[in-house]
Structures are given as structure tokens and as C-alpha cells.
Amino acid sequence: MNKQELENRLAELKMSYTSVQADADKLASSGAGAAHMEKQLEQMENEIKSLRQKLRALD
């Protein structure tokens, strides 16, 4: 991936993360389990970290 592709993927991932986090918060506040969403958020956090590292390496 080039720098623009990395930046685009990072932006998409951040938007998705925000959406999933809001949904997980709603489920948690209603007493429903949100464990699967928490796992998804963790995976997204790892991908965000990886993308940021790749971007730094390009600079």
C-alpha cells in the first residue's frame, strides 16, 4: 500500500471504530452483552496501530 491508501484505510477504520464503539456502548447500557463487539474493537485498534506504524515508516 502506498501512503494515500494507508491514510484512506486509516480514515475508514476510524469511522468504523466510532460506529462500533457507539453500538457497543448502547448494548452495554441496556444490559446486553457486547463481548463480541469489544473483540472487534480490539482487532480494529490493532489494525489502526499497524497502519500508523506503516505511515511513520514512510515519512
Protein backbone atom coordinates (compact mmCIF):
# COMPACT_ATOMS: atom_id res chain seq x y z
CA MET A 1 0.00 0.00 0.00
CA ASN A 2 1.14 3.49 -0.74
CA LYS A 3 0.80 6.40 1.66
CA GLN A 4 -2.56 7.57 0.28
CA GLU A 5 -4.04 4.07 0.51
CA LEU A 6 -2.81 3.74 4.09
CA GLU A 7 -4.31 7.10 5.03
CA ASN A 8 -7.63 6.21 3.38
CA ARG A 9 -7.80 2.85 5.15
CA LEU A 10 -6.96 4.52 8.45
CA ALA A 11 -9.75 7.07 7.99
CA GLU A 12 -12.26 4.32 7.11
CA LEU A 13 -11.20 2.27 10.08
CA LYS A 14 -11.53 5.21 12.48
CA MET A 15 -15.09 5.87 11.28
CA SER A 16 -16.00 2.19 11.64
CA TYR A 17 -14.41 2.07 15.08
CA THR A 18 -16.50 5.01 16.25
CA SER A 19 -19.67 3.37 14.99
CA VAL A 20 -18.93 0.00 16.58
CA GLN A 21 -17.95 1.67 19.84
CA ALA A 22 -21.25 3.58 19.97
CA ASP A 23 -23.19 0.38 19.31
CA ALA A 24 -21.24 -1.47 21.99
CA ASP A 25 -21.94 1.33 24.47
CA LYS A 26 -25.67 1.14 23.70
CA LEU A 27 -25.70 -2.63 24.22
CA ALA A 28 -23.73 -2.38 27.44
CA SER A 29 -26.05 0.29 28.83
CA SER A 30 -29.10 -1.83 28.07
CA GLY A 31 -27.60 -4.80 29.90
CA ALA A 32 -26.95 -6.82 26.76
CA GLY A 33 -23.58 -8.43 26.27
CA ALA A 34 -21.21 -6.64 23.96
CA ALA A 35 -18.25 -9.01 24.24
CA HIS A 36 -18.15 -9.75 20.52
CA MET A 37 -18.07 -6.04 19.77
CA GLU A 38 -15.30 -5.48 22.28
CA LYS A 39 -13.25 -8.14 20.50
CA GLN A 40 -13.95 -6.43 17.18
CA LEU A 41 -12.84 -3.09 18.66
CA GLU A 42 -9.63 -4.68 19.89
CA GLN A 43 -8.89 -6.02 16.40
CA MET A 44 -9.59 -2.61 14.92
CA GLU A 45 -7.28 -0.96 17.45
CA ASN A 46 -4.51 -3.34 16.44
CA GLU A 47 -5.03 -2.57 12.75
CA ILE A 48 -5.03 1.18 13.46
CA LYS A 49 -1.75 0.79 15.35
CA SER A 50 -0.25 -1.18 12.48
CA LEU A 51 -1.35 1.37 9.88
CA ARG A 52 0.10 4.23 11.91
CA GLN A 53 3.42 2.39 12.19
CA LYS A 54 3.48 1.84 8.41
CA LEU A 55 2.73 5.52 7.81
CA ARG A 56 5.54 6.58 10.14
CA ALA A 57 7.92 4.28 8.29
CA LEU A 58 7.08 6.04 5.02
CA ASP A 59 7.91 9.51 6.36
